[in-house]
N, C-alpha and C. Protein backbone atom coordinates (compact mmCIF):
# COMPACT_ATOMS: atom_id res chain seq x y z
N MET A 1 87.99 118.50 75.52
CA MET A 1 88.47 117.54 76.28
C MET A 1 88.38 116.14 75.36
N LEU A 2 86.94 115.99 75.13
CA LEU A 2 86.40 114.39 74.59
C LEU A 2 87.21 114.29 73.24
N THR A 3 87.43 115.42 72.46
CA THR A 3 88.04 115.44 71.40
C THR A 3 89.57 114.72 71.73
N ILE A 4 90.14 115.35 72.64
CA ILE A 4 91.62 114.82 72.93
C ILE A 4 91.70 113.75 73.58
N ILE A 5 90.80 112.98 74.46
CA ILE A 5 90.62 111.91 74.93
C ILE A 5 90.46 110.77 73.63
N ALA A 6 89.63 111.20 72.66
CA ALA A 6 89.32 110.23 71.43
C ALA A 6 90.74 110.32 70.68
N LYS A 7 91.50 111.15 70.53
CA LYS A 7 92.48 110.87 69.98
C LYS A 7 93.51 110.37 70.79
N GLY A 8 93.46 110.14 71.82
CA GLY A 8 94.59 109.33 72.57
C GLY A 8 94.29 107.66 72.36
N GLY A 9 93.42 107.48 71.74
CA GLY A 9 93.12 105.86 71.19
C GLY A 9 92.48 105.00 72.30
N PRO A 10 92.91 103.82 72.13
CA PRO A 10 92.05 102.84 73.01
C PRO A 10 92.73 102.59 74.36
N VAL A 11 94.04 102.95 74.45
CA VAL A 11 94.63 103.11 75.95
C VAL A 11 94.26 104.12 76.69
N MET A 12 93.41 104.80 76.19
CA MET A 12 92.83 105.76 77.16
C MET A 12 91.82 105.32 78.16
N VAL A 13 91.20 104.20 77.39
CA VAL A 13 89.94 103.73 78.33
C VAL A 13 90.47 103.07 79.52
N PRO A 14 91.38 102.12 79.71
CA PRO A 14 91.77 101.62 80.90
C PRO A 14 92.56 102.75 81.84
N LEU A 15 93.29 103.89 81.03
CA LEU A 15 93.81 104.99 81.91
C LEU A 15 92.87 105.86 82.73
N LEU A 16 91.64 106.30 81.90
CA LEU A 16 90.32 107.10 82.70
C LEU A 16 89.74 105.96 83.50
N GLY A 17 89.47 104.79 83.37
CA GLY A 17 88.90 103.99 84.28
C GLY A 17 89.79 103.78 85.31
N GLY A 18 90.87 103.63 85.30
CA GLY A 18 91.64 103.18 86.54
C GLY A 18 91.69 104.75 87.27
N SER A 19 91.93 105.56 86.76
CA SER A 19 91.55 106.88 87.32
C SER A 19 90.52 107.20 88.11
N VAL A 20 89.42 107.07 87.63
CA VAL A 20 88.11 106.90 88.19
C VAL A 20 88.11 106.01 89.69
N ILE A 21 88.46 104.88 89.26
CA ILE A 21 88.59 103.78 90.57
C ILE A 21 89.14 104.17 91.47
N SER A 22 90.24 104.86 91.12
CA SER A 22 91.43 105.04 92.20
C SER A 22 90.83 106.36 93.02
N LEU A 23 90.06 107.20 92.33
CA LEU A 23 89.52 108.64 93.02
C LEU A 23 88.34 108.29 93.96
N ALA A 24 87.62 107.29 93.05
CA ALA A 24 86.58 106.61 94.15
C ALA A 24 86.93 106.01 95.40
N PHE A 25 87.81 105.47 95.33
CA PHE A 25 88.61 104.92 96.81
C PHE A 25 89.04 105.74 97.51
N ALA A 26 89.85 106.73 97.00
CA ALA A 26 90.39 107.75 97.46
C ALA A 26 89.47 108.35 98.64
N LEU A 27 88.13 109.04 97.94
CA LEU A 27 87.46 109.79 98.46
C LEU A 27 86.44 108.77 99.71
N GLU A 28 86.25 107.55 99.33
CA GLU A 28 85.77 106.78 100.33
C GLU A 28 86.78 106.89 101.56
N ARG A 29 88.08 106.56 101.37
CA ARG A 29 88.78 106.72 102.52
C ARG A 29 89.00 108.12 103.36
N TYR A 30 88.75 108.94 102.26
CA TYR A 30 88.49 110.54 102.92
C TYR A 30 87.47 110.72 103.97
N VAL A 31 86.29 109.96 103.50
CA VAL A 31 85.42 110.12 104.28
C VAL A 31 85.13 109.28 105.58
N ALA A 32 85.53 108.18 105.43
CA ALA A 32 85.98 107.37 106.31
C ALA A 32 86.83 107.78 107.71
N TYR A 33 87.67 108.51 107.00
CA TYR A 33 88.82 109.23 108.02
C TYR A 33 88.41 110.03 108.68
N ARG A 34 87.31 110.82 108.03
CA ARG A 34 86.59 112.12 108.65
C ARG A 34 85.74 111.80 109.87
N ARG A 35 84.88 110.30 109.37
CA ARG A 35 84.05 109.83 110.51
C ARG A 35 84.51 109.23 111.65
N ALA A 36 86.13 109.05 111.45
CA ALA A 36 86.81 108.18 112.34
C ALA A 36 87.25 109.11 113.53
N ARG A 37 87.40 110.57 112.73
CA ARG A 37 88.05 111.53 113.97
C ARG A 37 87.16 111.78 115.18
N ARG A 38 87.90 111.98 116.51
CA ARG A 38 87.12 112.24 117.41
C ARG A 38 87.94 113.16 118.50
N ASP A 39 87.28 113.59 119.13
CA ASP A 39 88.06 114.72 120.34
C ASP A 39 88.50 113.77 121.54
N ASN A 40 89.72 113.15 121.14
CA ASN A 40 90.31 112.04 122.28
C ASN A 40 90.76 112.72 123.35
N SER A 41 91.37 113.69 123.13
CA SER A 41 91.73 114.39 124.26
C SER A 41 90.46 114.63 125.61
N LEU A 42 89.28 114.79 125.09
CA LEU A 42 88.11 115.06 125.98
C LEU A 42 87.78 113.29 126.23
N LEU A 43 87.90 112.56 125.54
CA LEU A 43 87.79 111.15 125.95
C LEU A 43 88.70 110.76 126.95
N MET A 44 89.96 111.24 126.86
CA MET A 44 90.93 110.77 128.11
C MET A 44 90.73 111.63 129.36
N ALA A 45 90.19 113.09 129.02
CA ALA A 45 89.83 113.70 130.28
C ALA A 45 88.56 112.83 131.20
N ARG A 46 87.65 112.27 130.51
CA ARG A 46 86.67 111.42 131.21
C ARG A 46 86.98 110.38 131.51
N LEU A 47 88.16 109.63 130.97
CA LEU A 47 88.67 108.57 131.69
C LEU A 47 89.39 108.67 132.76
N GLU A 48 90.05 109.95 132.73
CA GLU A 48 90.85 110.36 134.05
C GLU A 48 90.38 110.42 135.09
N GLU A 49 88.55 110.56 135.05
CA GLU A 49 87.83 111.00 136.14
C GLU A 49 87.39 109.81 136.55
N ALA A 50 87.38 108.67 135.47
CA ALA A 50 86.60 107.37 135.78
C ALA A 50 87.32 106.59 136.52
N LEU A 51 88.74 106.32 136.04
CA LEU A 51 89.88 105.52 136.42
C LEU A 51 90.74 105.82 137.65
N PRO A 52 91.23 105.04 138.23
CA PRO A 52 90.82 103.51 137.99
C PRO A 52 89.95 103.11 138.68
N ASP A 53 89.40 103.96 139.51
CA ASP A 53 88.03 103.36 140.41
C ASP A 53 86.81 102.41 139.77
N ASP A 54 86.45 103.12 138.44
CA ASP A 54 85.62 102.46 137.74
C ASP A 54 85.79 102.17 136.26
N PRO A 55 86.78 100.96 136.19
CA PRO A 55 87.10 100.71 134.97
C PRO A 55 85.67 100.15 133.90
N ALA A 56 85.03 99.72 134.58
CA ALA A 56 83.88 99.10 133.48
C ALA A 56 83.03 100.64 132.82
N GLU A 57 83.25 101.65 133.76
CA GLU A 57 82.66 102.86 132.97
C GLU A 57 83.41 103.26 131.77
N GLY A 58 84.65 103.36 132.34
CA GLY A 58 85.64 103.67 131.15
C GLY A 58 85.55 102.74 130.12
N ALA A 59 85.52 101.50 130.13
CA ALA A 59 85.23 100.88 128.84
C ALA A 59 84.24 101.17 128.23
N ALA A 60 83.11 101.21 128.84
CA ALA A 60 81.60 101.81 128.02
C ALA A 60 81.92 102.83 127.74
N LEU A 61 82.39 103.82 128.12
CA LEU A 61 82.65 105.27 127.60
C LEU A 61 83.18 104.81 125.98
N CYS A 62 84.42 104.17 126.36
CA CYS A 62 85.23 103.85 124.97
C CYS A 62 84.25 103.37 123.94
N ALA A 63 83.58 102.54 124.04
CA ALA A 63 82.79 101.78 123.46
C ALA A 63 81.70 102.33 122.74
N SER A 64 81.21 103.56 123.36
CA SER A 64 80.30 104.40 122.94
C SER A 64 80.88 105.83 122.03
N TRP A 65 82.05 105.93 122.36
CA TRP A 65 82.97 106.92 121.78
C TRP A 65 83.01 106.78 120.41
N GLY A 66 83.59 105.69 120.25
CA GLY A 66 83.72 105.48 118.59
C GLY A 66 85.03 105.93 117.93
N GLY A 67 85.48 105.75 117.03
CA GLY A 67 86.83 105.99 116.70
C GLY A 67 87.94 105.01 116.76
N PRO A 68 89.25 104.95 116.24
CA PRO A 68 90.06 103.76 116.44
C PRO A 68 90.85 103.73 117.70
N VAL A 69 91.09 105.27 118.23
CA VAL A 69 91.76 105.21 119.52
C VAL A 69 90.73 105.04 120.60
N ALA A 70 89.71 105.28 120.65
CA ALA A 70 88.56 104.71 121.78
C ALA A 70 88.67 103.31 121.41
N ALA A 71 88.68 102.62 120.41
CA ALA A 71 88.77 101.20 120.22
C ALA A 71 89.73 100.41 121.06
N VAL A 72 90.89 101.13 120.56
CA VAL A 72 92.35 100.39 121.36
C VAL A 72 92.44 100.79 123.14
N LEU A 73 92.02 101.99 123.33
CA LEU A 73 91.76 101.79 124.71
C LEU A 73 90.52 101.10 125.58
N GLY A 74 89.50 101.01 124.61
CA GLY A 74 88.36 99.93 125.30
C GLY A 74 88.96 98.90 125.40
N ARG A 75 89.77 98.23 124.44
CA ARG A 75 90.11 97.00 124.74
C ARG A 75 91.11 96.48 125.73
N GLY A 76 91.97 97.65 125.90
CA GLY A 76 92.83 97.54 127.16
C GLY A 76 92.07 97.61 128.18
N LEU A 77 90.94 98.29 128.44
CA LEU A 77 90.47 98.42 129.66
C LEU A 77 89.15 97.10 129.78
N GLU A 78 89.18 96.74 128.76
CA GLU A 78 88.36 95.36 128.82
C GLU A 78 89.39 94.20 129.40
N ALA A 79 90.57 94.39 129.21
CA ALA A 79 91.38 93.34 129.39
C ALA A 79 91.75 93.43 131.05
N PHE A 80 92.07 94.76 131.32
CA PHE A 80 92.50 95.11 132.48
C PHE A 80 91.20 94.52 133.50
N ARG A 81 90.44 94.41 133.26
CA ARG A 81 88.98 94.27 134.17
C ARG A 81 88.81 92.76 134.00
N GLY A 82 89.25 91.82 133.35
CA GLY A 82 89.44 90.54 132.87
C GLY A 82 90.85 89.88 133.29
N GLY A 83 91.56 90.72 133.78
CA GLY A 83 92.69 90.36 134.57
C GLY A 83 93.91 89.81 133.39
N LYS A 84 93.54 90.28 132.04
CA LYS A 84 94.27 90.05 130.92
C LYS A 84 95.82 90.93 130.79
N ASP A 85 96.44 90.27 129.86
CA ASP A 85 97.63 91.58 129.58
C ASP A 85 96.79 92.75 128.73
N VAL A 86 97.02 93.81 129.16
CA VAL A 86 96.60 95.07 128.85
C VAL A 86 97.17 95.17 127.44
N ASP A 87 98.64 95.41 127.58
CA ASP A 87 99.85 95.62 126.33
C ASP A 87 99.17 94.68 125.06
N LYS A 88 98.97 93.45 125.29
CA LYS A 88 98.90 92.62 124.17
C LYS A 88 97.45 92.72 123.48
N SER A 89 96.46 93.02 124.30
CA SER A 89 95.16 93.30 123.84
C SER A 89 95.15 94.77 123.40
N MET A 90 95.74 95.75 123.70
CA MET A 90 95.67 96.86 123.04
C MET A 90 96.73 96.63 121.91
N ASP A 91 98.13 95.96 121.63
CA ASP A 91 98.64 95.56 120.67
C ASP A 91 97.62 95.33 119.50
N ALA A 92 97.20 94.24 119.88
CA ALA A 92 95.90 93.31 118.67
C ALA A 92 94.86 94.19 118.57
N ALA A 93 94.16 95.13 119.26
CA ALA A 93 93.21 95.94 118.93
C ALA A 93 93.89 97.23 117.80
N GLN A 94 95.00 97.51 118.24
CA GLN A 94 95.92 98.52 117.27
C GLN A 94 96.05 98.01 115.88
N ARG A 95 96.46 97.06 115.76
CA ARG A 95 96.73 96.39 114.40
C ARG A 95 95.49 96.30 113.70
N GLU A 96 94.35 95.65 114.50
CA GLU A 96 93.10 95.90 113.78
C GLU A 96 92.67 97.14 113.01
N GLN A 97 92.97 98.17 113.93
CA GLN A 97 92.28 99.25 113.32
C GLN A 97 93.18 99.74 112.40
N ILE A 98 94.74 99.48 112.53
CA ILE A 98 95.58 99.97 111.14
C ILE A 98 95.06 98.93 110.15
N GLN A 99 94.61 98.21 110.23
CA GLN A 99 94.25 97.49 108.80
C GLN A 99 92.98 98.14 107.95
N ARG A 100 91.97 98.44 109.29
CA ARG A 100 90.61 99.25 108.67
C ARG A 100 91.19 100.53 108.14
N LEU A 101 92.00 101.05 108.56
CA LEU A 101 92.53 102.41 108.30
C LEU A 101 93.28 102.48 106.80
N GLU A 102 93.81 101.24 106.77
CA GLU A 102 94.90 101.20 105.33
C GLU A 102 93.96 100.48 104.24
N LYS A 103 92.69 99.92 104.70
CA LYS A 103 91.93 99.54 103.51
C LYS A 103 91.73 100.11 102.40
N ASN A 104 92.06 99.67 101.24
CA ASN A 104 92.01 100.21 99.65
C ASN A 104 92.78 101.43 99.71
N LEU A 105 93.82 101.51 100.60
CA LEU A 105 94.77 102.44 100.00
C LEU A 105 95.94 101.95 99.29
N ASP A 106 95.98 100.46 98.98
CA ASP A 106 96.75 99.88 97.54
C ASP A 106 96.00 100.55 96.37
N ILE A 107 94.97 100.70 96.05
CA ILE A 107 94.35 100.99 95.00
C ILE A 107 94.96 102.29 94.28
N PRO A 108 94.94 103.56 94.83
CA PRO A 108 95.87 104.65 94.57
C PRO A 108 97.21 104.05 94.06
N ALA A 109 97.77 103.31 94.91
CA ALA A 109 99.40 102.98 94.61
C ALA A 109 99.61 102.29 93.68
N LEU A 110 98.44 101.34 93.60
CA LEU A 110 98.34 100.73 92.27
C LEU A 110 98.25 101.36 90.77
N THR A 111 97.55 102.29 91.05
CA THR A 111 97.17 103.12 89.78
C THR A 111 98.33 104.23 89.67
N ALA A 112 99.13 104.69 90.58
CA ALA A 112 100.53 105.24 90.27
C ALA A 112 101.21 104.67 89.53
N ASN A 113 101.55 103.10 89.79
CA ASN A 113 102.60 102.27 89.52
C ASN A 113 102.06 102.04 87.98
N VAL A 114 100.81 101.90 87.73
CA VAL A 114 100.49 101.22 86.29
C VAL A 114 100.21 102.36 85.50
N ALA A 115 99.84 103.65 85.86
CA ALA A 115 99.39 104.51 84.97
C ALA A 115 100.75 104.98 83.85
N PRO A 116 101.86 105.11 84.11
CA PRO A 116 102.64 105.54 83.16
C PRO A 116 103.24 104.50 82.16
N LEU A 117 102.93 102.87 82.98
CA LEU A 117 103.13 101.85 81.91
C LEU A 117 102.02 101.82 81.11
N LEU A 118 100.78 102.06 81.15
CA LEU A 118 99.76 102.45 80.10
C LEU A 118 100.39 103.36 79.18
N GLY A 119 100.64 104.62 79.82
CA GLY A 119 101.21 106.11 79.00
C GLY A 119 102.10 105.00 78.02
N LEU A 120 103.17 104.54 78.52
CA LEU A 120 104.12 104.03 77.73
C LEU A 120 103.53 103.11 76.52
N LEU A 121 102.46 102.32 76.89
CA LEU A 121 101.91 101.37 76.00
C LEU A 121 101.14 102.33 74.79
N GLY A 122 100.69 103.21 75.47
CA GLY A 122 99.94 104.05 74.53
C GLY A 122 101.02 104.95 73.36
N THR A 123 102.20 105.11 73.95
CA THR A 123 103.16 105.60 73.02
C THR A 123 103.75 104.71 72.33
N VAL A 124 103.62 103.32 72.62
CA VAL A 124 104.39 102.42 71.43
C VAL A 124 103.14 102.03 70.35
N THR A 125 101.96 102.18 70.80
CA THR A 125 101.07 101.79 70.00
C THR A 125 100.76 103.15 69.07
N GLY A 126 100.74 104.13 69.27
CA GLY A 126 100.75 105.20 68.69
C GLY A 126 101.86 105.27 67.66
N LEU A 127 103.10 104.95 67.91
CA LEU A 127 104.16 105.04 67.04
C LEU A 127 104.13 103.87 65.96
N MET A 128 103.64 102.88 66.23
CA MET A 128 103.43 101.43 65.73
C MET A 128 102.47 102.24 64.39
N ASP A 129 101.46 103.09 64.77
CA ASP A 129 100.49 103.56 63.97
C ASP A 129 101.10 104.48 62.88
N THR A 130 101.92 105.20 63.63
CA THR A 130 102.71 105.92 62.63
C THR A 130 103.44 105.87 61.59
N PHE A 131 104.57 104.25 62.00
CA PHE A 131 105.32 103.76 60.99
C PHE A 131 104.45 103.04 60.12
N GLY A 132 103.37 102.56 60.51
CA GLY A 132 102.38 101.64 59.62
C GLY A 132 102.11 102.86 58.58
N VAL A 133 101.62 104.00 58.79
CA VAL A 133 101.19 105.10 57.82
C VAL A 133 102.32 105.46 56.94
N LEU A 134 103.64 105.37 57.62
CA LEU A 134 104.86 105.58 56.86
C LEU A 134 105.34 105.11 55.65
N SER A 135 105.00 103.39 55.97
CA SER A 135 105.25 102.28 55.25
C SER A 135 104.09 101.95 54.34
N GLY A 136 103.01 102.61 54.38
CA GLY A 136 102.14 102.49 53.31
C GLY A 136 101.91 103.55 52.40
N HIS A 137 101.99 104.90 52.89
CA HIS A 137 101.74 106.44 52.32
C HIS A 137 103.17 106.85 52.11
N GLY A 138 104.22 106.56 53.15
CA GLY A 138 105.31 107.46 52.79
C GLY A 138 104.96 108.85 53.62
N ALA A 139 105.65 109.91 53.28
CA ALA A 139 105.52 111.05 54.50
C ALA A 139 105.11 112.33 53.43
N LYS A 140 104.31 112.07 52.25
CA LYS A 140 104.01 112.75 51.49
C LYS A 140 102.81 113.46 52.06
N ASP A 141 101.98 112.95 52.92
CA ASP A 141 100.86 113.94 53.48
C ASP A 141 100.96 113.74 55.15
N PRO A 142 101.44 114.57 55.79
CA PRO A 142 102.01 114.88 57.26
C PRO A 142 100.64 114.76 57.83
N SER A 143 99.51 115.09 57.45
CA SER A 143 98.24 114.77 58.26
C SER A 143 98.13 113.44 58.88
N LEU A 144 98.30 112.58 57.68
CA LEU A 144 98.07 111.11 58.21
C LEU A 144 99.04 110.40 59.09
N LEU A 145 100.12 111.24 59.49
CA LEU A 145 101.01 110.73 60.59
C LEU A 145 100.33 111.66 61.88
N ALA A 146 99.43 112.63 61.84
CA ALA A 146 99.02 112.99 63.01
C ALA A 146 98.44 112.32 64.08
N ARG A 147 97.45 111.32 63.51
CA ARG A 147 96.51 110.65 64.54
C ARG A 147 97.69 109.78 65.27
N GLY A 148 98.88 108.89 64.81
CA GLY A 148 99.86 108.25 65.88
C GLY A 148 100.24 108.78 66.51
N ILE A 149 100.89 109.87 66.31
CA ILE A 149 101.73 111.14 66.85
C ILE A 149 100.82 111.46 68.08
N ALA A 150 99.61 112.02 67.61
CA ALA A 150 98.75 112.46 68.97
C ALA A 150 98.49 111.10 69.73
N GLU A 151 98.22 109.98 69.39
CA GLU A 151 98.06 108.91 70.43
C GLU A 151 99.04 108.97 71.19
N ALA A 152 100.40 108.80 70.69
CA ALA A 152 101.63 108.85 71.73
C ALA A 152 101.87 109.86 72.54
N LEU A 153 101.24 110.90 72.32
CA LEU A 153 101.77 111.99 72.86
C LEU A 153 100.85 112.24 74.08
N ILE A 154 99.51 112.14 73.63
CA ILE A 154 98.43 112.16 74.79
C ILE A 154 98.23 111.07 75.96
N THR A 155 98.52 109.76 75.42
CA THR A 155 98.46 108.83 76.59
C THR A 155 99.86 108.84 77.36
N THR A 156 100.91 109.13 76.98
CA THR A 156 102.00 109.40 77.55
C THR A 156 101.79 110.58 78.72
N VAL A 157 101.02 111.64 78.23
CA VAL A 157 100.97 112.93 79.19
C VAL A 157 99.89 112.49 80.22
N ALA A 158 98.97 111.81 79.66
CA ALA A 158 97.65 111.22 80.91
C ALA A 158 98.29 110.24 81.51
N GLY A 159 98.99 109.33 81.16
CA GLY A 159 99.63 108.33 82.37
C GLY A 159 100.42 108.98 83.30
N LEU A 160 101.15 110.06 82.94
CA LEU A 160 102.35 110.69 83.93
C LEU A 160 101.24 111.84 84.81
N ILE A 161 100.08 112.25 84.03
CA ILE A 161 99.31 113.01 85.29
C ILE A 161 98.61 112.14 86.13
N ILE A 162 98.21 111.12 85.81
CA ILE A 162 97.32 110.20 86.86
C ILE A 162 98.36 109.67 87.55
N ALA A 163 99.32 109.27 87.39
CA ALA A 163 100.27 108.93 88.18
C ALA A 163 100.71 109.82 89.36
N ILE A 164 101.15 111.12 88.94
CA ILE A 164 101.62 112.26 89.72
C ILE A 164 100.02 112.19 90.85
N VAL A 165 98.86 112.58 90.33
CA VAL A 165 98.20 112.75 91.08
C VAL A 165 97.71 111.51 92.05
N SER A 166 97.88 110.33 91.77
CA SER A 166 97.51 109.17 92.36
C SER A 166 98.51 109.31 93.65
N ILE A 167 99.94 109.34 93.29
CA ILE A 167 101.14 109.38 94.22
C ILE A 167 100.61 110.38 95.22
N LEU A 168 100.37 111.58 95.01
CA LEU A 168 99.98 112.65 95.91
C LEU A 168 98.82 112.21 96.57
N ILE A 169 97.72 111.72 96.42
CA ILE A 169 96.62 111.44 97.13
C ILE A 169 97.14 110.03 97.58
N HIS A 170 97.75 108.97 97.59
CA HIS A 170 98.26 108.07 98.30
C HIS A 170 99.33 108.62 99.43
N HIS A 171 100.10 109.60 99.12
CA HIS A 171 101.01 110.29 99.90
C HIS A 171 100.16 110.87 101.33
N HIS A 172 99.11 111.67 100.96
CA HIS A 172 98.31 112.57 101.71
C HIS A 172 97.42 111.18 102.76
N LEU A 173 96.85 110.43 102.12
CA LEU A 173 96.07 109.29 102.72
C LEU A 173 97.07 108.41 103.74
N THR A 174 98.40 108.55 103.57
CA THR A 174 99.06 107.61 104.44
C THR A 174 99.33 108.53 105.60
N LYS A 175 99.69 109.57 105.35
CA LYS A 175 99.83 110.44 106.49
C LYS A 175 98.86 110.77 107.36
N VAL A 176 97.61 110.66 106.82
CA VAL A 176 96.62 110.82 107.74
C VAL A 176 96.67 109.56 108.63
N VAL A 177 96.67 108.15 108.04
CA VAL A 177 96.62 106.96 108.70
C VAL A 177 97.72 107.08 109.80
N ASP A 178 99.05 107.71 109.46
CA ASP A 178 100.29 107.91 110.43
C ASP A 178 99.75 108.41 111.60
N GLY A 179 98.91 109.85 111.16
CA GLY A 179 98.49 110.38 112.33
C GLY A 179 97.76 109.82 113.19
N PHE A 180 96.64 108.80 112.78
CA PHE A 180 95.94 108.02 113.81
C PHE A 180 97.06 107.33 114.87
N VAL A 181 97.84 106.49 113.78
CA VAL A 181 98.70 105.56 114.61
C VAL A 181 99.28 106.08 115.83
N GLU A 182 99.75 107.74 115.21
CA GLU A 182 100.44 108.62 116.64
C GLU A 182 99.75 108.46 117.44
N GLU A 183 98.12 108.88 117.27
CA GLU A 183 97.46 109.29 118.11
C GLU A 183 97.07 107.84 119.13
N MET A 184 97.02 106.79 118.82
CA MET A 184 96.80 105.59 119.44
C MET A 184 98.24 105.30 120.24
N GLU A 185 99.00 105.73 119.58
CA GLU A 185 100.22 105.26 120.38
C GLU A 185 100.06 106.22 121.73
N ASN A 186 100.24 107.60 121.64
CA ASN A 186 99.94 108.43 122.44
C ASN A 186 98.99 108.38 123.85
N TYR A 187 97.97 107.78 123.18
CA TYR A 187 96.88 107.65 124.35
C TYR A 187 96.86 106.23 125.10
N ARG A 188 97.45 105.31 124.34
CA ARG A 188 97.97 104.05 125.07
C ARG A 188 98.69 104.30 126.14
N GLU A 189 99.79 105.15 125.95
CA GLU A 189 100.67 105.25 126.88
C GLU A 189 99.83 106.28 127.98
N ARG A 190 99.07 107.00 127.84
CA ARG A 190 98.57 107.86 128.90
C ARG A 190 97.71 107.03 129.51
N LEU A 191 96.72 106.28 129.05
CA LEU A 191 96.18 104.94 129.65
C LEU A 191 96.76 104.27 130.65
N GLY A 192 98.06 104.12 130.33
CA GLY A 192 98.82 103.16 131.02
C GLY A 192 99.34 103.51 132.35
N GLU A 193 99.27 105.20 132.29
CA GLU A 193 99.94 105.80 133.27
C GLU A 193 98.53 105.86 134.73
N LEU A 194 97.17 105.48 133.99
CA LEU A 194 96.20 105.87 134.69
C LEU A 194 95.84 104.50 135.57
N LEU A 195 96.35 103.38 134.92
CA LEU A 195 95.90 102.30 135.79
C LEU A 195 96.88 101.67 136.51
N PRO A 196 96.62 100.93 137.82
CA PRO A 196 97.46 100.49 138.67
C PRO A 196 98.91 99.79 138.24
N GLU A 197 99.91 99.74 138.93
CA GLU A 197 100.83 98.79 138.66
C GLU A 197 100.32 97.33 138.48
N GLY A 198 101.15 96.63 137.71
CA GLY A 198 100.67 95.12 137.58
C GLY A 198 99.72 94.83 136.21
N ARG A 199 98.88 95.78 136.18
CA ARG A 199 97.71 95.99 135.31
C ARG A 199 96.92 94.77 136.01
N GLY A 200 96.63 94.82 137.13
CA GLY A 200 95.44 93.84 137.63
C GLY A 200 94.16 94.01 137.21
N ASN A 201 93.03 93.00 137.83
CA ASN A 201 91.80 92.97 137.05
C ASN A 201 90.97 93.28 138.25
N ARG A 202 89.54 93.84 137.49
CA ARG A 202 88.43 94.33 138.81
C ARG A 202 87.41 93.64 138.14
C-alpha cells in the first residue's frame, strides 16, 4: 500500500491529508450525535404529567434532560412562564440546535468536491511526466514511462474513492441531522397541545 501511495506522486499528500481530516470530523460528528440522542418519548411523558400545572418543573426537567429536543422544549416553556411568544422562542432555539448539529458537516462535503479535482491534477502531472520522458528518451524503454502512467492512474483512482466515501459519509450524517429536526418538529407540536390556548404566562 505504501508503495502504491508513493507511486502516486506528490498529489497523494493533499489527497490523503484531506481524507484523514474529513474522516476525523465525520467521527467527531458521529460521537456528538450519539451523545445528543435521548429517549424523548419518556421526556414527553414526564412533561405531560407536569404540565400545565407546573411549567417550572417542566422547564427544569428539560434543562437536566439534555439533547436538542429538550433544549427546544425548555426554551418554549421558559417563554411560556415569562409570557413571551412560545413559537418564536422555540424557532430561535431550534435554529441554534440545527447550527450545532450541522457544525463541521461542510468538511466531508468539501472533501468530496475537491478530491476528484486533486485526482485530475495528479493525472495531468503524471501525463506531463510521461510526455517528458517521451521527449527526452523516446519509447525505447517502456519502463521509463511507467512512473508517469502510474502516477496518473493512482491519483485518479484515489481521488474518486475518497470523493465517493466522503459523499456517502456526508449523506449519512445529513440524514441523522434530518432525523433530529423531525423530532424537534414533532415534539414541539406535542408541547403546544399541552399548553393552554393563548400561550399565557405563569
